[in-house]
């Protein structure tokens, strides 16, 4: 028997209200819950200096000079770090 995420959340809420968290752990270890696979986020480093105009136009619709102009006009920092 497998529970969907919504069903599992409802069950957890009910078990927690009765102080039965240990039963939740047992069900979890038994594989009773659908756990979505987490996708890996690649470590992408973007270096505009390695682009030629043809590739830049295909990827961004602007040549390298145009992308640099947009970055300057939007006042983008040299390094942008996103949460993983």
PDB file of N, CA and C in Angstrom:
ATOM      1  N   UNK A   1       0.848  -1.181   0.000  1.00  0.00           N
ATOM      2  CA  UNK A   1       0.000   0.000   0.000  1.00  0.00           C
ATOM      3  C   UNK A   1       0.888   1.236   0.000  1.00  0.00           C
ATOM      4  N   UNK A   2       0.578   2.175  -0.885  1.00  0.00           N
ATOM      5  CA  UNK A   2       1.328   3.429  -0.926  1.00  0.00           C
ATOM      6  C   UNK A   2       0.369   4.593  -0.802  1.00  0.00           C
ATOM      7  N   UNK A   3       0.809   5.618  -0.073  1.00  0.00           N
ATOM      8  CA  UNK A   3       0.025   6.827   0.118  1.00  0.00           C
ATOM      9  C   UNK A   3       0.559   7.928  -0.785  1.00  0.00           C
ATOM     10  N   UNK A   4      -0.322   8.772  -1.288  1.00  0.00           N
ATOM     11  CA  UNK A   4       0.118   9.955  -2.019  1.00  0.00           C
ATOM     12  C   UNK A   4       0.641  10.970  -1.009  1.00  0.00           C
ATOM     13  N   UNK A   5       1.226  12.054  -1.501  1.00  0.00           N
ATOM     14  CA  UNK A   5       1.744  13.079  -0.591  1.00  0.00           C
ATOM     15  C   UNK A   5       0.627  13.694   0.248  1.00  0.00           C
ATOM     16  N   UNK A   6      -0.511  13.967  -0.370  1.00  0.00           N
ATOM     17  CA  UNK A   6      -1.636  14.553   0.375  1.00  0.00           C
ATOM     18  C   UNK A   6      -2.139  13.602   1.460  1.00  0.00           C
ATOM     19  N   UNK A   7      -2.270  12.330   1.090  1.00  0.00           N
ATOM     20  CA  UNK A   7      -2.720  11.341   2.072  1.00  0.00           C
ATOM     21  C   UNK A   7      -1.707  11.183   3.201  1.00  0.00           C
ATOM     22  N   UNK A   8      -0.428  11.186   2.840  1.00  0.00           N
ATOM     23  CA  UNK A   8       0.625  11.051   3.850  1.00  0.00           C
ATOM     24  C   UNK A   8       0.612  12.230   4.811  1.00  0.00           C
ATOM     25  N   UNK A   9       0.383  13.427   4.294  1.00  0.00           N
ATOM     26  CA  UNK A   9       0.335  14.606   5.158  1.00  0.00           C
ATOM     27  C   UNK A   9      -0.844  14.524   6.125  1.00  0.00           C
ATOM     28  N   UNK A  10      -1.989  14.099   5.627  1.00  0.00           N
ATOM     29  CA  UNK A  10      -3.162  13.944   6.497  1.00  0.00           C
ATOM     30  C   UNK A  10      -2.900  12.900   7.581  1.00  0.00           C
ATOM     31  N   UNK A  11      -2.277  11.795   7.190  1.00  0.00           N
ATOM     32  CA  UNK A  11      -1.961  10.745   8.154  1.00  0.00           C
ATOM     33  C   UNK A  11      -0.968  11.244   9.196  1.00  0.00           C
ATOM     34  N   UNK A  12       0.054  11.967   8.754  1.00  0.00           N
ATOM     35  CA  UNK A  12       1.038  12.515   9.691  1.00  0.00           C
ATOM     36  C   UNK A  12       0.374  13.457  10.682  1.00  0.00           C
ATOM     37  N   UNK A  13      -0.515  14.306  10.194  1.00  0.00           N
ATOM     38  CA  UNK A  13      -1.225  15.237  11.082  1.00  0.00           C
ATOM     39  C   UNK A  13      -2.030  14.479  12.132  1.00  0.00           C
ATOM     40  N   UNK A  14      -2.706  13.441  11.688  1.00  0.00           N
ATOM     41  CA  UNK A  14      -3.522  12.663  12.616  1.00  0.00           C
ATOM     42  C   UNK A  14      -2.643  11.916  13.628  1.00  0.00           C
ATOM     43  N   UNK A  15      -1.571  11.289  13.148  1.00  0.00           N
ATOM     44  CA  UNK A  15      -0.688  10.550  14.055  1.00  0.00           C
ATOM     45  C   UNK A  15      -0.010  11.480  15.051  1.00  0.00           C
ATOM     46  N   UNK A  16       0.371  12.670  14.603  1.00  0.00           N
ATOM     47  CA  UNK A  16       1.021  13.628  15.499  1.00  0.00           C
ATOM     48  C   UNK A  16       0.068  14.077  16.597  1.00  0.00           C
ATOM     49  N   UNK A  17      -1.203  14.221  16.253  1.00  0.00           N
ATOM     50  CA  UNK A  17      -2.171  14.659  17.266  1.00  0.00           C
ATOM     51  C   UNK A  17      -2.368  13.595  18.351  1.00  0.00           C
ATOM     52  N   UNK A  18      -2.099  12.321  18.014  1.00  0.00           N
ATOM     53  CA  UNK A  18      -2.208  11.242  19.002  1.00  0.00           C
ATOM     54  C   UNK A  18      -0.851  10.850  19.588  1.00  0.00           C
ATOM     55  N   UNK A  19       0.210  11.592  19.209  1.00  0.00           N
ATOM     56  CA  UNK A  19       1.545  11.281  19.738  1.00  0.00           C
ATOM     57  C   UNK A  19       2.127   9.991  19.193  1.00  0.00           C
ATOM     58  N   UNK A  20       1.803   9.652  17.956  1.00  0.00           N
ATOM     59  CA  UNK A  20       2.261   8.397  17.356  1.00  0.00           C
ATOM     60  C   UNK A  20       3.296   8.632  16.254  1.00  0.00           C
ATOM     61  N   UNK A  21       4.269   9.508  16.491  1.00  0.00           N
ATOM     62  CA  UNK A  21       5.280   9.777  15.470  1.00  0.00           C
ATOM     63  C   UNK A  21       6.114   8.537  15.150  1.00  0.00           C
ATOM     64  N   UNK A  22       6.271   7.637  16.121  1.00  0.00           N
ATOM     65  CA  UNK A  22       7.060   6.419  15.886  1.00  0.00           C
ATOM     66  C   UNK A  22       6.387   5.529  14.835  1.00  0.00           C
ATOM     67  N   UNK A  23       5.066   5.509  14.813  1.00  0.00           N
ATOM     68  CA  UNK A  23       4.348   4.748  13.787  1.00  0.00           C
ATOM     69  C   UNK A  23       4.612   5.349  12.405  1.00  0.00           C
ATOM     70  N   UNK A  24       4.667   6.672  12.340  1.00  0.00           N
ATOM     71  CA  UNK A  24       4.988   7.362  11.085  1.00  0.00           C
ATOM     72  C   UNK A  24       6.363   6.927  10.586  1.00  0.00           C
ATOM     73  N   UNK A  25       7.346   6.891  11.486  1.00  0.00           N
ATOM     74  CA  UNK A  25       8.703   6.483  11.106  1.00  0.00           C
ATOM     75  C   UNK A  25       8.713   5.044  10.583  1.00  0.00           C
ATOM     76  N   UNK A  26       7.954   4.170  11.213  1.00  0.00           N
ATOM     77  CA  UNK A  26       7.893   2.774  10.773  1.00  0.00           C
ATOM     78  C   UNK A  26       7.276   2.664   9.382  1.00  0.00           C
ATOM     79  N   UNK A  27       6.207   3.408   9.143  1.00  0.00           N
ATOM     80  CA  UNK A  27       5.579   3.399   7.815  1.00  0.00           C
ATOM     81  C   UNK A  27       6.513   3.972   6.760  1.00  0.00           C
ATOM     82  N   UNK A  28       7.241   5.006   7.129  1.00  0.00           N
ATOM     83  CA  UNK A  28       8.186   5.627   6.200  1.00  0.00           C
ATOM     84  C   UNK A  28       9.287   4.643   5.822  1.00  0.00           C
ATOM     85  N   UNK A  29       9.840   3.951   6.803  1.00  0.00           N
ATOM     86  CA  UNK A  29      10.903   2.978   6.546  1.00  0.00           C
ATOM     87  C   UNK A  29      10.392   1.779   5.753  1.00  0.00           C
ATOM     88  N   UNK A  30       9.123   1.459   5.897  1.00  0.00           N
ATOM     89  CA  UNK A  30       8.541   0.337   5.160  1.00  0.00           C
ATOM     90  C   UNK A  30       8.244   0.692   3.705  1.00  0.00           C
ATOM     91  N   UNK A  31       8.423   1.960   3.340  1.00  0.00           N
ATOM     92  CA  UNK A  31       8.210   2.374   1.951  1.00  0.00           C
ATOM     93  C   UNK A  31       6.757   2.585   1.592  1.00  0.00           C
ATOM     94  N   UNK A  32       5.966   2.996   2.550  1.00  0.00           N
ATOM     95  CA  UNK A  32       4.529   3.177   2.308  1.00  0.00           C
ATOM     96  C   UNK A  32       4.172   4.517   1.673  1.00  0.00           C
ATOM     97  N   UNK A  33       5.137   5.383   1.490  1.00  0.00           N
ATOM     98  CA  UNK A  33       4.833   6.717   0.976  1.00  0.00           C
ATOM     99  C   UNK A  33       5.542   6.959  -0.345  1.00  0.00           C
ATOM    100  N   UNK A  34       4.829   7.622  -1.248  1.00  0.00           N
ATOM    101  CA  UNK A  34       5.437   8.050  -2.507  1.00  0.00           C
ATOM    102  C   UNK A  34       6.361   9.213  -2.205  1.00  0.00           C
ATOM    103  N   UNK A  35       7.619   9.057  -2.506  1.00  0.00           N
ATOM    104  CA  UNK A  35       8.566  10.149  -2.288  1.00  0.00           C
ATOM    105  C   UNK A  35       9.078  10.564  -3.663  1.00  0.00           C
ATOM    106  N   UNK A  36       8.750  11.783  -4.087  1.00  0.00           N
ATOM    107  CA  UNK A  36       9.184  12.207  -5.422  1.00  0.00           C
ATOM    108  C   UNK A  36      10.702  12.289  -5.501  1.00  0.00           C
ATOM    109  N   UNK A  37      11.221  11.890  -6.645  1.00  0.00           N
ATOM    110  CA  UNK A  37      12.663  11.946  -6.855  1.00  0.00           C
ATOM    111  C   UNK A  37      13.087  13.397  -7.025  1.00  0.00           C
ATOM    112  N   UNK A  38      14.099  13.788  -6.298  1.00  0.00           N
ATOM    113  CA  UNK A  38      14.604  15.157  -6.409  1.00  0.00           C
ATOM    114  C   UNK A  38      15.623  15.209  -7.543  1.00  0.00           C
ATOM    115  N   UNK A  39      15.409  16.141  -8.441  1.00  0.00           N
ATOM    116  CA  UNK A  39      16.303  16.285  -9.578  1.00  0.00           C
ATOM    117  C   UNK A  39      17.581  16.991  -9.162  1.00  0.00           C
ATOM    118  N   UNK A  40      18.674  16.588  -9.749  1.00  0.00           N
ATOM    119  CA  UNK A  40      19.941  17.246  -9.488  1.00  0.00           C
ATOM    120  C   UNK A  40      20.016  18.532 -10.296  1.00  0.00           C
ATOM    121  N   UNK A  41      20.462  19.590  -9.664  1.00  0.00           N
ATOM    122  CA  UNK A  41      20.631  20.869 -10.340  1.00  0.00           C
ATOM    123  C   UNK A  41      22.100  20.978 -10.731  1.00  0.00           C
ATOM    124  N   UNK A  42      22.376  21.099 -12.020  1.00  0.00           N
ATOM    125  CA  UNK A  42      23.779  21.140 -12.437  1.00  0.00           C
ATOM    126  C   UNK A  42      24.467  22.423 -11.988  1.00  0.00           C
ATOM    127  N   UNK A  43      25.762  22.315 -11.774  1.00  0.00           N
ATOM    128  CA  UNK A  43      26.578  23.467 -11.407  1.00  0.00           C
ATOM    129  C   UNK A  43      27.002  24.148 -12.706  1.00  0.00           C
ATOM    130  N   UNK A  44      26.248  25.149 -13.116  1.00  0.00           N
ATOM    131  CA  UNK A  44      26.487  25.813 -14.395  1.00  0.00           C
ATOM    132  C   UNK A  44      27.233  27.115 -14.159  1.00  0.00           C
ATOM    133  N   UNK A  45      28.295  27.269 -14.875  1.00  0.00           N
ATOM    134  CA  UNK A  45      29.057  28.517 -14.809  1.00  0.00           C
ATOM    135  C   UNK A  45      28.999  29.154 -16.190  1.00  0.00           C
ATOM    136  N   UNK A  46      28.555  30.370 -16.224  1.00  0.00           N
ATOM    137  CA  UNK A  46      28.364  31.086 -17.479  1.00  0.00           C
ATOM    138  C   UNK A  46      29.514  32.067 -17.668  1.00  0.00           C
ATOM    139  N   UNK A  47      30.258  31.873 -18.744  1.00  0.00           N
ATOM    140  CA  UNK A  47      31.349  32.787 -19.053  1.00  0.00           C
ATOM    141  C   UNK A  47      31.149  33.299 -20.476  1.00  0.00           C
ATOM    142  N   UNK A  48      30.723  34.534 -20.567  1.00  0.00           N
ATOM    143  CA  UNK A  48      30.407  35.119 -21.864  1.00  0.00           C
ATOM    144  C   UNK A  48      31.641  35.228 -22.753  1.00  0.00           C
ATOM    145  N   UNK A  49      32.819  35.338 -22.156  1.00  0.00           N
ATOM    146  CA  UNK A  49      34.052  35.449 -22.935  1.00  0.00           C
ATOM    147  C   UNK A  49      34.347  34.229 -23.786  1.00  0.00           C
ATOM    148  N   UNK A  50      33.755  33.094 -23.464  1.00  0.00           N
ATOM    149  CA  UNK A  50      33.990  31.873 -24.238  1.00  0.00           C
ATOM    150  C   UNK A  50      33.005  31.725 -25.400  1.00  0.00           C
ATOM    151  N   UNK A  51      32.029  32.621 -25.502  1.00  0.00           N
ATOM    152  CA  UNK A  51      31.018  32.556 -26.562  1.00  0.00           C
ATOM    153  C   UNK A  51      31.493  33.297 -27.806  1.00  0.00           C
ATOM    154  N   UNK A  52      31.184  32.725 -28.968  1.00  0.00           N
ATOM    155  CA  UNK A  52      31.335  33.487 -30.201  1.00  0.00           C
ATOM    156  C   UNK A  52      29.963  34.084 -30.519  1.00  0.00           C
ATOM    157  N   UNK A  53      29.923  35.053 -31.423  1.00  0.00           N
ATOM    158  CA  UNK A  53      28.671  35.753 -31.714  1.00  0.00           C
ATOM    159  C   UNK A  53      27.565  34.812 -32.203  1.00  0.00           C
ATOM    160  N   UNK A  54      27.931  33.823 -33.025  1.00  0.00           N
ATOM    161  CA  UNK A  54      26.923  32.909 -33.574  1.00  0.00           C
ATOM    162  C   UNK A  54      26.241  32.127 -32.450  1.00  0.00           C
ATOM    163  N   UNK A  55      27.026  31.582 -31.532  1.00  0.00           N
ATOM    164  CA  UNK A  55      26.444  30.821 -30.417  1.00  0.00           C
ATOM    165  C   UNK A  55      25.645  31.725 -29.494  1.00  0.00           C
ATOM    166  N   UNK A  56      26.139  32.925 -29.245  1.00  0.00           N
ATOM    167  CA  UNK A  56      25.419  33.863 -28.379  1.00  0.00           C
ATOM    168  C   UNK A  56      24.070  34.217 -28.998  1.00  0.00           C
ATOM    169  N   UNK A  57      24.034  34.428 -30.305  1.00  0.00           N
ATOM    170  CA  UNK A  57      22.771  34.756 -30.970  1.00  0.00           C
ATOM    171  C   UNK A  57      21.795  33.584 -30.905  1.00  0.00           C
ATOM    172  N   UNK A  58      22.303  32.359 -31.010  1.00  0.00           N
ATOM    173  CA  UNK A  58      21.426  31.191 -30.907  1.00  0.00           C
ATOM    174  C   UNK A  58      20.875  31.035 -29.490  1.00  0.00           C
ATOM    175  N   UNK A  59      21.717  31.269 -28.493  1.00  0.00           N
ATOM    176  CA  UNK A  59      21.303  31.062 -27.098  1.00  0.00           C
ATOM    177  C   UNK A  59      20.521  32.237 -26.519  1.00  0.00           C
ATOM    178  N   UNK A  60      20.880  33.460 -26.912  1.00  0.00           N
ATOM    179  CA  UNK A  60      20.314  34.643 -26.256  1.00  0.00           C
ATOM    180  C   UNK A  60      19.608  35.625 -27.189  1.00  0.00           C
ATOM    181  N   UNK A  61      19.658  35.378 -28.501  1.00  0.00           N
ATOM    182  CA  UNK A  61      19.093  36.279 -29.517  1.00  0.00           C
ATOM    183  C   UNK A  61      19.865  37.589 -29.647  1.00  0.00           C
ATOM    184  N   UNK A  62      21.005  37.687 -29.009  1.00  0.00           N
ATOM    185  CA  UNK A  62      21.870  38.863 -29.110  1.00  0.00           C
ATOM    186  C   UNK A  62      23.297  38.377 -29.312  1.00  0.00           C
ATOM    187  N   UNK A  63      24.103  39.198 -29.977  1.00  0.00           N
ATOM    188  CA  UNK A  63      25.516  38.856 -30.062  1.00  0.00           C
ATOM    189  C   UNK A  63      26.173  39.149 -28.711  1.00  0.00           C
ATOM    190  N   UNK A  64      27.456  38.810 -28.585  1.00  0.00           N
ATOM    191  CA  UNK A  64      28.159  38.972 -27.311  1.00  0.00           C
ATOM    192  C   UNK A  64      28.124  40.425 -26.858  1.00  0.00           C
ATOM    193  N   UNK A  65      28.347  41.333 -27.782  1.00  0.00           N
ATOM    194  CA  UNK A  65      28.330  42.758 -27.432  1.00  0.00           C
ATOM    195  C   UNK A  65      26.952  43.175 -26.903  1.00  0.00           C
ATOM    196  N   UNK A  66      25.887  42.667 -27.524  1.00  0.00           N
ATOM    197  CA  UNK A  66      24.534  42.986 -27.089  1.00  0.00           C
ATOM    198  C   UNK A  66      24.223  42.444 -25.704  1.00  0.00           C
ATOM    199  N   UNK A  67      24.697  41.228 -25.416  1.00  0.00           N
ATOM    200  CA  UNK A  67      24.473  40.647 -24.087  1.00  0.00           C
ATOM    201  C   UNK A  67      25.206  41.461 -23.032  1.00  0.00           C
ATOM    202  N   UNK A  68      26.449  41.852 -23.344  1.00  0.00           N
ATOM    203  CA  UNK A  68      27.212  42.675 -22.387  1.00  0.00           C
ATOM    204  C   UNK A  68      26.536  44.026 -22.176  1.00  0.00           C
ATOM    205  N   UNK A  69      25.990  44.601 -23.233  1.00  0.00           N
ATOM    206  CA  UNK A  69      25.285  45.877 -23.111  1.00  0.00           C
ATOM    207  C   UNK A  69      24.049  45.718 -22.219  1.00  0.00           C
ATOM    208  N   UNK A  70      23.293  44.652 -22.431  1.00  0.00           N
ATOM    209  CA  UNK A  70      22.125  44.400 -21.583  1.00  0.00           C
ATOM    210  C   UNK A  70      22.529  44.219 -20.120  1.00  0.00           C
ATOM    211  N   UNK A  71      23.605  43.477 -19.882  1.00  0.00           N
ATOM    212  CA  UNK A  71      24.070  43.267 -18.503  1.00  0.00           C
ATOM    213  C   UNK A  71      24.446  44.596 -17.859  1.00  0.00           C
ATOM    214  N   UNK A  72      25.066  45.477 -18.642  1.00  0.00           N
ATOM    215  CA  UNK A  72      25.453  46.783 -18.095  1.00  0.00           C
ATOM    216  C   UNK A  72      24.221  47.654 -17.861  1.00  0.00           C
ATOM    217  N   UNK A  73      23.278  47.657 -18.807  1.00  0.00           N
ATOM    218  CA  UNK A  73      22.075  48.474 -18.655  1.00  0.00           C
ATOM    219  C   UNK A  73      21.198  48.002 -17.489  1.00  0.00           C
ATOM    220  N   UNK A  74      21.167  46.687 -17.262  1.00  0.00           N
ATOM    221  CA  UNK A  74      20.406  46.151 -16.133  1.00  0.00           C
ATOM    222  C   UNK A  74      21.203  46.192 -14.832  1.00  0.00           C
ATOM    223  N   UNK A  75      22.436  46.655 -14.901  1.00  0.00           N
ATOM    224  CA  UNK A  75      23.324  46.764 -13.732  1.00  0.00           C
ATOM    225  C   UNK A  75      23.481  45.420 -13.020  1.00  0.00           C
ATOM    226  N   UNK A  76      23.693  44.359 -13.802  1.00  0.00           N
ATOM    227  CA  UNK A  76      23.880  43.035 -13.219  1.00  0.00           C
ATOM    228  C   UNK A  76      25.269  42.936 -12.606  1.00  0.00           C
ATOM    229  N   UNK A  77      25.393  42.297 -11.450  1.00  0.00           N
ATOM    230  CA  UNK A  77      26.718  42.117 -10.856  1.00  0.00           C
ATOM    231  C   UNK A  77      27.530  41.107 -11.666  1.00  0.00           C
ATOM    232  N   UNK A  78      28.838  41.121 -11.473  1.00  0.00           N
ATOM    233  CA  UNK A  78      29.706  40.207 -12.214  1.00  0.00           C
ATOM    234  C   UNK A  78      29.439  38.753 -11.831  1.00  0.00           C
ATOM    235  N   UNK A  79      29.084  38.518 -10.577  1.00  0.00           N
ATOM    236  CA  UNK A  79      28.809  37.161 -10.098  1.00  0.00           C
ATOM    237  C   UNK A  79      27.399  37.121  -9.516  1.00  0.00           C
ATOM    238  N   UNK A  80      26.624  36.144  -9.963  1.00  0.00           N
ATOM    239  CA  UNK A  80      25.273  35.950  -9.439  1.00  0.00           C
ATOM    240  C   UNK A  80      25.210  34.537  -8.872  1.00  0.00           C
ATOM    241  N   UNK A  81      24.876  34.426  -7.598  1.00  0.00           N
ATOM    242  CA  UNK A  81      24.763  33.124  -6.944  1.00  0.00           C
ATOM    243  C   UNK A  81      23.292  32.886  -6.639  1.00  0.00           C
ATOM    244  N   UNK A  82      22.799  31.724  -7.052  1.00  0.00           N
ATOM    245  CA  UNK A  82      21.411  31.375  -6.774  1.00  0.00           C
ATOM    246  C   UNK A  82      21.371  30.285  -5.720  1.00  0.00           C
ATOM    247  N   UNK A  83      20.238  30.147  -5.043  1.00  0.00           N
ATOM    248  CA  UNK A  83      20.089  29.096  -4.039  1.00  0.00           C
ATOM    249  C   UNK A  83      19.981  27.754  -4.732  1.00  0.00           C
ATOM    250  N   UNK A  84      20.549  26.735  -4.121  1.00  0.00           N
ATOM    251  CA  UNK A  84      20.466  25.406  -4.728  1.00  0.00           C
ATOM    252  C   UNK A  84      19.307  24.626  -4.193  1.00  0.00           C
TER     253      UNK A  84
END
